[in-house]
Amino acid sequence: MDATLKWNGRMNFNATADSGHAIILDSDASVGGDDQGSRPMELILMGLAGCTAMDVISIMRKKRQNVTKFEVAAHAERADTHPKVFTSAEVKYTFWGKDIDPKAVERSIQLSENNYCPAQAMLAATMPITHTYEIIEE
């Protein structure tokens, strides 16, 4: 996998990777940016949420669960001093649908955590990650 960042001036970069899709990275004014894009650490947290979300919804579909809406929210705590790494994370999965089986949800999350999500495996090697879920019956 490769990524390339092209500087647009100040703290603004246009980033692309193997898929060819572009995103903008920037910082806020307090560190020389213009607040025109995501922060790099935000992208890491979004990567964690996105990686596990794709796993879990794929597994839930295979389990033929009637999920009509799905969200994943991730929260990370950071160290107070530089390099201000993540020290812990919480991932919450919210499912909407009809007759969703909690055991299917738990197994899908477990499979993502332990078998499929490389972002989760990599980050879990350096910090604790907790998982919660909610099922909202429609």
Protein backbone atom coordinates (compact mmCIF):
# COMPACT_ATOMS: atom_id res chain seq x y z
CA MET A 1 0.00 0.00 0.00
CA ASP A 2 1.25 3.47 -0.87
CA ALA A 3 0.14 6.99 0.01
CA THR A 4 1.25 10.33 -1.39
CA LEU A 5 0.71 13.76 0.12
CA LYS A 6 1.11 16.93 -1.93
CA TRP A 7 1.57 20.18 -0.09
CA ASN A 8 -0.92 22.93 -0.90
CA GLY A 9 0.73 25.53 1.35
CA ARG A 10 0.65 26.29 5.07
CA MET A 11 -0.45 22.99 6.74
CA ASN A 12 -2.73 21.82 3.92
CA PHE A 13 -2.05 18.60 2.01
CA ASN A 14 -3.90 16.65 -0.67
CA ALA A 15 -3.53 12.94 0.11
CA THR A 16 -4.12 9.97 -2.19
CA ALA A 17 -3.48 6.26 -1.78
CA ASP A 18 -3.79 3.16 -3.94
CA SER A 19 -7.54 3.63 -4.49
CA GLY A 20 -6.89 7.01 -6.11
CA HIS A 21 -9.42 8.81 -3.93
CA ALA A 22 -8.23 12.11 -2.50
CA ILE A 23 -8.72 13.67 0.91
CA ILE A 24 -7.49 16.94 2.36
CA LEU A 25 -5.45 17.11 5.55
CA ASP A 26 -5.04 20.36 7.45
CA SER A 27 -4.70 21.74 10.97
CA ASP A 28 -6.29 24.58 12.85
CA ALA A 29 -4.94 28.12 12.91
CA SER A 30 -3.20 27.65 16.27
CA VAL A 31 -0.58 25.47 14.55
CA GLY A 32 -0.46 27.23 11.19
CA GLY A 33 -3.37 25.69 9.32
CA ASP A 34 -6.62 26.91 7.82
CA ASP A 35 -8.97 24.18 9.10
CA GLN A 36 -9.75 22.96 5.58
CA GLY A 37 -9.40 19.21 6.20
CA SER A 38 -9.16 16.34 8.63
CA ARG A 39 -6.31 15.97 11.10
CA PRO A 40 -4.05 12.92 10.66
CA MET A 41 -5.02 11.44 14.04
CA GLU A 42 -8.70 11.85 13.15
CA LEU A 43 -8.04 9.77 10.04
CA ILE A 44 -6.51 7.01 12.15
CA LEU A 45 -9.63 6.92 14.35
CA MET A 46 -11.89 7.03 11.28
CA GLY A 47 -9.85 4.17 9.84
CA LEU A 48 -10.48 2.09 12.95
CA ALA A 49 -14.22 2.81 12.83
CA GLY A 50 -14.43 2.23 9.09
CA CYS A 51 -12.47 -1.02 9.17
CA THR A 52 -14.60 -2.61 11.87
CA ALA A 53 -17.85 -1.17 10.43
CA MET A 54 -17.22 -2.86 7.08
CA ASP A 55 -16.44 -6.17 8.77
CA VAL A 56 -19.43 -6.09 11.08
CA ILE A 57 -22.06 -5.11 8.49
CA SER A 58 -20.68 -7.72 6.09
CA ILE A 59 -20.93 -10.43 8.75
CA MET A 60 -24.40 -9.29 9.81
CA ARG A 61 -25.57 -9.57 6.19
CA LYS A 62 -24.15 -13.10 5.97
CA LYS A 63 -26.05 -13.91 9.15
CA ARG A 64 -29.18 -12.59 7.39
CA GLN A 65 -29.90 -10.03 10.09
CA ASN A 66 -32.50 -7.40 9.17
CA VAL A 67 -30.34 -4.29 9.70
CA THR A 68 -31.91 -1.18 8.17
CA LYS A 69 -29.50 1.40 9.58
CA PHE A 70 -26.04 1.05 11.13
CA GLU A 71 -23.58 3.45 12.74
CA VAL A 72 -20.21 3.09 14.39
CA ALA A 73 -18.91 5.77 16.73
CA ALA A 74 -15.31 5.72 17.92
CA HIS A 75 -13.79 7.77 20.73
CA ALA A 76 -10.11 7.83 21.59
CA GLU A 77 -8.25 9.29 24.54
CA ARG A 78 -4.84 10.83 23.88
CA ALA A 79 -1.73 11.34 25.98
CA ASP A 80 -1.28 14.85 27.36
CA THR A 81 2.31 15.14 26.17
CA HIS A 82 3.92 14.76 22.77
CA PRO A 83 3.70 12.70 20.69
CA LYS A 84 0.11 12.59 22.08
CA VAL A 85 -0.57 9.02 21.04
CA PHE A 86 -3.91 7.34 21.57
CA THR A 87 -4.01 5.73 25.02
CA SER A 88 -7.40 4.00 24.74
CA ALA A 89 -10.40 3.79 22.45
CA GLU A 90 -14.08 2.95 22.68
CA VAL A 91 -16.07 1.70 19.70
CA LYS A 92 -19.87 1.76 19.85
CA TYR A 93 -21.99 0.00 17.24
CA THR A 94 -25.63 1.02 16.83
CA PHE A 95 -27.99 -1.17 14.82
CA TRP A 96 -31.52 -0.35 13.72
CA GLY A 97 -33.81 -3.04 12.35
CA LYS A 98 -36.28 -5.77 13.12
CA ASP A 99 -35.59 -8.83 15.28
CA ILE A 100 -31.81 -8.36 15.31
CA ASP A 101 -30.21 -11.18 17.32
CA PRO A 102 -27.86 -9.87 20.03
CA LYS A 103 -25.76 -13.04 19.72
CA ALA A 104 -25.24 -12.31 16.00
CA VAL A 105 -24.18 -8.76 16.88
CA GLU A 106 -21.74 -9.96 19.56
CA ARG A 107 -20.23 -12.58 17.26
CA SER A 108 -19.87 -10.10 14.39
CA ILE A 109 -18.05 -7.63 16.62
CA GLN A 110 -15.87 -10.41 18.05
CA LEU A 111 -14.89 -11.64 14.58
CA SER A 112 -13.96 -8.13 13.48
CA GLU A 113 -11.96 -7.56 16.66
CA ASN A 114 -10.10 -10.87 16.67
CA ASN A 115 -9.92 -12.03 13.06
CA TYR A 116 -10.57 -9.49 10.35
CA CYS A 117 -9.91 -5.80 11.10
CA PRO A 118 -6.22 -4.96 10.60
CA ALA A 119 -6.67 -1.43 11.95
CA GLN A 120 -8.08 -2.84 15.17
CA ALA A 121 -5.36 -5.48 15.46
CA MET A 122 -2.64 -2.89 14.98
CA LEU A 123 -4.06 -0.34 17.41
CA ALA A 124 -5.02 -2.97 20.02
CA ALA A 125 -1.35 -3.93 20.23
CA THR A 126 -0.63 -0.50 21.73
CA MET A 127 -3.79 0.42 23.66
CA PRO A 128 -7.00 -1.06 25.05
CA ILE A 129 -10.06 -0.90 22.80
CA THR A 130 -13.50 -1.50 24.30
CA HIS A 131 -16.65 -2.35 22.35
CA THR A 132 -20.29 -1.70 23.11
CA TYR A 133 -23.44 -2.01 21.04
CA GLU A 134 -27.04 -0.96 20.98
CA ILE A 135 -29.93 -2.46 19.05
CA ILE A 136 -32.87 -0.22 18.24
CA GLU A 137 -36.00 -2.13 17.23
CA GLU A 138 -37.92 -0.51 14.38
